[in-house]
């Protein structure tokens, strides 16, 4: 799984952030302007937190991938050294 996958991120609505705003029978948009501005701040904070978490998972994933590649390289080099050693023993 790619840690940068946006599908893995919870939607803002699950974080308690309202996604849509509009006039209703009881209240006009203008009356909810303060709540709207506050929700923008909450949404920005939640979005930033999601981005930071996604970036951290990506760094961890990259580090794991790098370590796995180093292990494969070491194993390949060791196998080559063993092969050369066995060839020298066989010729000597």
Foldseek 3Di string as FASTA:
>chain_A
DQLLDPVPDDDVVVVVADDDDAQDPVGGRVVCVVVVVVSVVVVVVSVVVSVVVSVVVNVVVVVVVVVVVVVVVVVVVVVVVVVVVVVVVVVD
